[in-house]
């Protein structure tokens, strides 16, 4: 999926918010934003939104020397999600259709996203997800592939959210390759975060790192039976690839219209 014009001001806002986390100096914030705007004037906008964001995010990293502005926020998101973990596990166990509920929870967890300007109320997101209907045709297809599958390729998205992914992966109980970002943008989950929420302790789970925009190459390398893609950024990278199961909350009109 190529970057739309509406994405440009959104990317600028995201980087400004990250700059404000790193420094309270408005002059420094302005300097970063001006360099981002200048870079936008110099480069083409036909990359994916994530690739374009990375190019601009590198300006923030270079100017501040901080490669992970959201580090403390990410850790807090992981802690708060882990506190919910026993409750969420009990909810799954109380339903007959446990797979459907585990999928809905994984989708609900996608609300923990510090990129789009959205309400991040996880309890509200959970209630909405549990009461929503999953497309029956897609769900049936997923179950059929699941029962005959050897392995799952799982593209993770955000911190905190990965605890909800952990619940789903536990329930599916298949050999899984869990893909996290090599370098964080905003609150992207990295291998450090995966270890922090003990995804590495799950049976038959391998954690691997991915460069920005390298989703398709990962699929070609792993050759999975099933591919699960979490969140908007991974959707943007894989929207033109067939056979992907996307699990996300659309947080902007562009993605919702897709």
Foldseek 3Di string as FASTA:
>chain_A
DFDDPVLVVLLLVLLLVLLVLLDVPVVLSVVLSVVLVVVVVVDDRGHFSQVNSVVSNVSVCVSRVDQASCVVVLLVLQVVLLVCLVVLLVVLVVDPPSLQLLLLLLALLQLPDSRFPDDSPSVVSSVVSVPDDDDPVVVVVVVVLLVVWQEEEEEAFFRNSVSSVLSNCLVSVHQYEYEFACGDDHGTDDPVRCVVNPSVVRPNYHYDHDYQLCVVVVCVVVVGSAYEYEDDSSCSSCVVPPRHHYRYDDRDPVVVVD
